[in-house]
Amino acid sequence: MTFKPSYFKADLFKVLSNPIRIQILDTLRLGEQSVNYIADWLDVEPSSVSQQLAVLRSRNLVTSRKQGNYVFYSVRDPALFKVLDAALEVFNNHLVEMRDTLEQME
């Protein structure tokens, strides 16, 4: 089996296609967090957060550590934040282009 970066990228973007997963990753920018902290921060049910963290964990994007009754999660590779930041920059550029187009129409 040959490793192809394009397949990895496609799978990564598929995983990142869920807004809750992106919000979870953004929460983890602050460092290691528990499921309950993430759920409270995002105002989402802990069971939903756990499900999405399981997907992120299955793709090796987050790691987990158990301490007592709590599980703490962190991002495996901080370079992932560069991907999220680049996506935000593309989005912002798109908004600027749309604004400029609307202003020209006035």
N, C-alpha and C. Protein backbone atom coordinates (compact mmCIF):
# COMPACT_ATOMS: atom_id res chain seq x y z
N MET A 1 0.84 -1.18 0.00
CA MET A 1 0.00 0.00 0.00
C MET A 1 0.88 1.24 0.00
N THR A 2 0.62 2.14 -0.93
CA THR A 2 1.41 3.35 -1.05
C THR A 2 0.73 4.49 -0.29
N PHE A 3 1.54 5.20 0.46
CA PHE A 3 1.01 6.36 1.19
C PHE A 3 0.95 7.53 0.25
N LYS A 4 -0.22 8.15 0.13
CA LYS A 4 -0.39 9.30 -0.75
C LYS A 4 -0.86 10.49 0.09
N PRO A 5 -0.05 11.55 0.09
CA PRO A 5 -0.43 12.73 0.87
C PRO A 5 -1.81 13.28 0.50
N SER A 6 -2.19 13.17 -0.76
CA SER A 6 -3.49 13.72 -1.16
C SER A 6 -4.64 12.98 -0.47
N TYR A 7 -4.48 11.68 -0.24
CA TYR A 7 -5.51 10.93 0.48
C TYR A 7 -5.56 11.33 1.95
N PHE A 8 -4.38 11.54 2.53
CA PHE A 8 -4.33 12.01 3.91
C PHE A 8 -5.03 13.36 4.05
N LYS A 9 -4.73 14.27 3.12
CA LYS A 9 -5.34 15.60 3.16
C LYS A 9 -6.86 15.51 3.01
N ALA A 10 -7.30 14.68 2.08
CA ALA A 10 -8.75 14.53 1.87
C ALA A 10 -9.42 14.01 3.14
N ASP A 11 -8.80 13.03 3.79
CA ASP A 11 -9.36 12.47 5.02
C ASP A 11 -9.35 13.53 6.13
N LEU A 12 -8.27 14.30 6.22
CA LEU A 12 -8.19 15.35 7.22
C LEU A 12 -9.32 16.37 7.04
N PHE A 13 -9.53 16.80 5.80
CA PHE A 13 -10.59 17.79 5.56
C PHE A 13 -11.98 17.19 5.78
N LYS A 14 -12.10 15.89 5.54
CA LYS A 14 -13.38 15.23 5.83
C LYS A 14 -13.65 15.26 7.34
N VAL A 15 -12.64 14.98 8.13
CA VAL A 15 -12.79 15.02 9.58
C VAL A 15 -13.09 16.45 10.05
N LEU A 16 -12.45 17.42 9.41
CA LEU A 16 -12.63 18.82 9.80
C LEU A 16 -13.91 19.42 9.24
N SER A 17 -14.69 18.65 8.51
CA SER A 17 -15.91 19.18 7.91
C SER A 17 -17.03 19.36 8.94
N ASN A 18 -16.82 18.87 10.14
CA ASN A 18 -17.84 18.99 11.19
C ASN A 18 -17.53 20.22 12.05
N PRO A 19 -18.45 21.19 12.11
CA PRO A 19 -18.19 22.42 12.87
C PRO A 19 -17.91 22.18 14.35
N ILE A 20 -18.55 21.18 14.95
CA ILE A 20 -18.29 20.90 16.38
C ILE A 20 -16.86 20.44 16.57
N ARG A 21 -16.36 19.62 15.66
CA ARG A 21 -14.97 19.16 15.78
C ARG A 21 -14.00 20.33 15.69
N ILE A 22 -14.29 21.27 14.80
CA ILE A 22 -13.43 22.45 14.68
C ILE A 22 -13.50 23.27 15.97
N GLN A 23 -14.69 23.43 16.52
CA GLN A 23 -14.82 24.18 17.78
C GLN A 23 -14.07 23.47 18.90
N ILE A 24 -14.13 22.15 18.93
CA ILE A 24 -13.40 21.38 19.94
C ILE A 24 -11.90 21.64 19.79
N LEU A 25 -11.40 21.55 18.57
CA LEU A 25 -9.98 21.79 18.35
C LEU A 25 -9.59 23.21 18.75
N ASP A 26 -10.44 24.18 18.44
CA ASP A 26 -10.16 25.56 18.85
C ASP A 26 -10.12 25.69 20.37
N THR A 27 -10.98 24.95 21.06
CA THR A 27 -10.95 24.95 22.52
C THR A 27 -9.63 24.38 23.04
N LEU A 28 -9.11 23.38 22.33
CA LEU A 28 -7.86 22.74 22.76
C LEU A 28 -6.63 23.61 22.48
N ARG A 29 -6.82 24.74 21.82
CA ARG A 29 -5.72 25.70 21.66
C ARG A 29 -5.27 26.18 23.04
N LEU A 30 -6.19 26.19 23.98
CA LEU A 30 -5.90 26.65 25.34
C LEU A 30 -5.07 25.63 26.12
N GLY A 31 -4.91 24.43 25.55
CA GLY A 31 -4.19 23.36 26.22
C GLY A 31 -5.11 22.20 26.52
N GLU A 32 -4.62 21.28 27.28
CA GLU A 32 -5.36 20.06 27.64
C GLU A 32 -6.65 20.42 28.37
N GLN A 33 -7.75 19.76 27.94
CA GLN A 33 -9.06 20.06 28.53
C GLN A 33 -9.85 18.78 28.74
N SER A 34 -10.76 18.82 29.69
CA SER A 34 -11.65 17.68 29.94
C SER A 34 -12.88 17.79 29.05
N VAL A 35 -13.59 16.68 28.91
CA VAL A 35 -14.82 16.66 28.12
C VAL A 35 -15.82 17.66 28.70
N ASN A 36 -15.98 17.67 30.01
CA ASN A 36 -16.94 18.58 30.63
C ASN A 36 -16.58 20.04 30.41
N TYR A 37 -15.31 20.36 30.48
CA TYR A 37 -14.89 21.74 30.23
C TYR A 37 -15.23 22.13 28.80
N ILE A 38 -14.90 21.26 27.84
CA ILE A 38 -15.19 21.55 26.43
C ILE A 38 -16.69 21.69 26.22
N ALA A 39 -17.45 20.79 26.79
CA ALA A 39 -18.92 20.83 26.65
C ALA A 39 -19.48 22.14 27.21
N ASP A 40 -19.01 22.54 28.37
CA ASP A 40 -19.47 23.79 28.98
C ASP A 40 -19.06 24.99 28.11
N TRP A 41 -17.83 24.99 27.65
CA TRP A 41 -17.30 26.09 26.85
C TRP A 41 -18.11 26.26 25.56
N LEU A 42 -18.48 25.13 24.94
CA LEU A 42 -19.20 25.17 23.66
C LEU A 42 -20.71 25.14 23.83
N ASP A 43 -21.18 24.92 25.05
CA ASP A 43 -22.61 24.79 25.32
C ASP A 43 -23.20 23.64 24.49
N VAL A 44 -22.54 22.49 24.58
CA VAL A 44 -22.93 21.28 23.87
C VAL A 44 -22.97 20.15 24.89
N GLU A 45 -23.81 19.17 24.66
CA GLU A 45 -23.90 18.03 25.57
C GLU A 45 -22.56 17.28 25.62
N PRO A 46 -22.13 16.86 26.82
CA PRO A 46 -20.89 16.11 26.94
C PRO A 46 -20.86 14.85 26.06
N SER A 47 -22.02 14.19 25.89
CA SER A 47 -22.04 12.98 25.05
C SER A 47 -21.70 13.32 23.60
N SER A 48 -22.14 14.48 23.11
CA SER A 48 -21.80 14.91 21.74
C SER A 48 -20.31 15.20 21.62
N VAL A 49 -19.79 15.88 22.64
CA VAL A 49 -18.35 16.19 22.65
C VAL A 49 -17.56 14.89 22.65
N SER A 50 -17.95 13.93 23.47
CA SER A 50 -17.25 12.64 23.54
C SER A 50 -17.27 11.93 22.20
N GLN A 51 -18.41 11.95 21.52
CA GLN A 51 -18.51 11.31 20.20
C GLN A 51 -17.56 11.95 19.21
N GLN A 52 -17.52 13.28 19.21
CA GLN A 52 -16.65 13.97 18.24
C GLN A 52 -15.17 13.80 18.61
N LEU A 53 -14.88 13.77 19.89
CA LEU A 53 -13.49 13.52 20.31
C LEU A 53 -13.05 12.11 19.91
N ALA A 54 -13.98 11.16 19.94
CA ALA A 54 -13.65 9.79 19.51
C ALA A 54 -13.26 9.77 18.04
N VAL A 55 -13.95 10.55 17.23
CA VAL A 55 -13.60 10.64 15.81
C VAL A 55 -12.21 11.27 15.66
N LEU A 56 -11.97 12.36 16.36
CA LEU A 56 -10.66 13.02 16.29
C LEU A 56 -9.55 12.10 16.79
N ARG A 57 -9.84 11.35 17.84
CA ARG A 57 -8.85 10.41 18.38
C ARG A 57 -8.57 9.27 17.40
N SER A 58 -9.62 8.79 16.73
CA SER A 58 -9.45 7.68 15.77
C SER A 58 -8.57 8.09 14.59
N ARG A 59 -8.50 9.38 14.31
CA ARG A 59 -7.66 9.89 13.22
C ARG A 59 -6.32 10.42 13.75
N ASN A 60 -6.05 10.16 15.02
CA ASN A 60 -4.80 10.58 15.67
C ASN A 60 -4.59 12.08 15.67
N LEU A 61 -5.68 12.84 15.73
CA LEU A 61 -5.57 14.29 15.79
C LEU A 61 -5.53 14.78 17.23
N VAL A 62 -6.08 14.00 18.16
CA VAL A 62 -6.01 14.34 19.58
C VAL A 62 -5.52 13.13 20.36
N THR A 63 -4.97 13.41 21.52
CA THR A 63 -4.56 12.36 22.45
C THR A 63 -5.40 12.51 23.71
N SER A 64 -5.48 11.43 24.46
CA SER A 64 -6.26 11.48 25.70
C SER A 64 -5.43 10.93 26.84
N ARG A 65 -5.78 11.41 28.03
CA ARG A 65 -5.12 10.98 29.26
C ARG A 65 -6.19 10.89 30.32
N LYS A 66 -6.24 9.76 31.01
CA LYS A 66 -7.24 9.57 32.07
C LYS A 66 -6.62 9.90 33.42
N GLN A 67 -7.40 10.65 34.20
CA GLN A 67 -6.98 10.98 35.57
C GLN A 67 -8.21 10.83 36.44
N GLY A 68 -8.23 9.78 37.23
CA GLY A 68 -9.40 9.51 38.05
C GLY A 68 -10.60 9.22 37.16
N ASN A 69 -11.69 9.93 37.39
CA ASN A 69 -12.90 9.76 36.58
C ASN A 69 -12.92 10.66 35.35
N TYR A 70 -11.88 11.44 35.15
CA TYR A 70 -11.86 12.41 34.06
C TYR A 70 -10.90 11.98 32.96
N VAL A 71 -11.27 12.34 31.73
CA VAL A 71 -10.40 12.13 30.57
C VAL A 71 -10.06 13.51 30.03
N PHE A 72 -8.78 13.75 29.84
CA PHE A 72 -8.30 15.03 29.33
C PHE A 72 -7.76 14.83 27.92
N TYR A 73 -8.07 15.79 27.06
CA TYR A 73 -7.68 15.71 25.66
C TYR A 73 -6.76 16.86 25.30
N SER A 74 -5.88 16.59 24.34
CA SER A 74 -5.02 17.63 23.80
C SER A 74 -4.77 17.32 22.32
N VAL A 75 -4.35 18.33 21.60
CA VAL A 75 -4.05 18.15 20.18
C VAL A 75 -2.70 17.46 20.06
N ARG A 76 -2.65 16.45 19.21
CA ARG A 76 -1.42 15.68 19.02
C ARG A 76 -0.33 16.52 18.34
N ASP A 77 -0.71 17.26 17.29
CA ASP A 77 0.26 18.04 16.53
C ASP A 77 -0.23 19.48 16.41
N PRO A 78 0.43 20.42 17.07
CA PRO A 78 -0.01 21.82 17.02
C PRO A 78 -0.02 22.41 15.61
N ALA A 79 0.62 21.76 14.64
CA ALA A 79 0.57 22.23 13.25
C ALA A 79 -0.87 22.22 12.74
N LEU A 80 -1.72 21.44 13.37
CA LEU A 80 -3.14 21.41 12.99
C LEU A 80 -3.76 22.80 13.12
N PHE A 81 -3.30 23.58 14.08
CA PHE A 81 -3.83 24.94 14.25
C PHE A 81 -3.49 25.82 13.05
N LYS A 82 -2.37 25.54 12.40
CA LYS A 82 -2.01 26.29 11.19
C LYS A 82 -3.02 26.02 10.08
N VAL A 83 -3.49 24.78 9.99
CA VAL A 83 -4.51 24.43 9.00
C VAL A 83 -5.80 25.19 9.29
N LEU A 84 -6.21 25.19 10.55
CA LEU A 84 -7.43 25.91 10.94
C LEU A 84 -7.28 27.41 10.71
N ASP A 85 -6.11 27.95 11.02
CA ASP A 85 -5.86 29.38 10.82
C ASP A 85 -5.88 29.72 9.33
N ALA A 86 -5.31 28.85 8.50
CA ALA A 86 -5.31 29.08 7.05
C ALA A 86 -6.74 29.06 6.50
N ALA A 87 -7.56 28.14 7.00
CA ALA A 87 -8.96 28.08 6.56
C ALA A 87 -9.69 29.36 6.95
N LEU A 88 -9.42 29.86 8.14
CA LEU A 88 -10.04 31.12 8.58
C LEU A 88 -9.59 32.28 7.71
N GLU A 89 -8.32 32.28 7.34
CA GLU A 89 -7.81 33.34 6.47
C GLU A 89 -8.48 33.31 5.09
N VAL A 90 -8.67 32.12 4.54
CA VAL A 90 -9.37 31.98 3.26
C VAL A 90 -10.79 32.50 3.39
N PHE A 91 -11.45 32.15 4.48
CA PHE A 91 -12.81 32.62 4.74
C PHE A 91 -12.85 34.15 4.81
N ASN A 92 -11.93 34.73 5.58
CA ASN A 92 -11.90 36.19 5.71
C ASN A 92 -11.63 36.87 4.38
N ASN A 93 -10.72 36.30 3.58
CA ASN A 93 -10.44 36.86 2.25
C ASN A 93 -11.69 36.81 1.38
N HIS A 94 -12.43 35.74 1.50
CA HIS A 94 -13.67 35.60 0.73
C HIS A 94 -14.67 36.69 1.14
N LEU A 95 -14.79 36.93 2.44
CA LEU A 95 -15.70 37.98 2.91
C LEU A 95 -15.28 39.36 2.40
N VAL A 96 -13.99 39.63 2.39
CA VAL A 96 -13.49 40.91 1.90
C VAL A 96 -13.83 41.07 0.42
N GLU A 97 -13.64 40.01 -0.36
CA GLU A 97 -13.97 40.05 -1.79
C GLU A 97 -15.47 40.30 -1.99
N MET A 98 -16.29 39.64 -1.21
CA MET A 98 -17.74 39.83 -1.32
C MET A 98 -18.12 41.27 -0.96
N ARG A 99 -17.52 41.80 0.10
CA ARG A 99 -17.80 43.18 0.51
C ARG A 99 -17.40 44.15 -0.59
N ASP A 100 -16.24 43.94 -1.17
CA ASP A 100 -15.76 44.82 -2.24
C ASP A 100 -16.69 44.75 -3.45
N THR A 101 -17.16 43.57 -3.79
CA THR A 101 -18.08 43.40 -4.90
C THR A 101 -19.39 44.13 -4.63
N LEU A 102 -19.91 44.00 -3.40
CA LEU A 102 -21.16 44.68 -3.05
C LEU A 102 -20.99 46.19 -3.08
N GLU A 103 -19.85 46.69 -2.62
CA GLU A 103 -19.60 48.13 -2.63
C GLU A 103 -19.53 48.66 -4.05
N GLN A 104 -18.98 47.88 -4.96
CA GLN A 104 -18.88 48.30 -6.36
C GLN A 104 -20.26 48.34 -7.01
N MET A 105 -21.19 47.53 -6.53
CA MET A 105 -22.53 47.49 -7.09
C MET A 105 -23.38 48.67 -6.65
N GLU A 106 -22.98 49.36 -5.57
CA GLU A 106 -23.78 50.47 -5.04
C GLU A 106 -23.67 51.70 -5.89
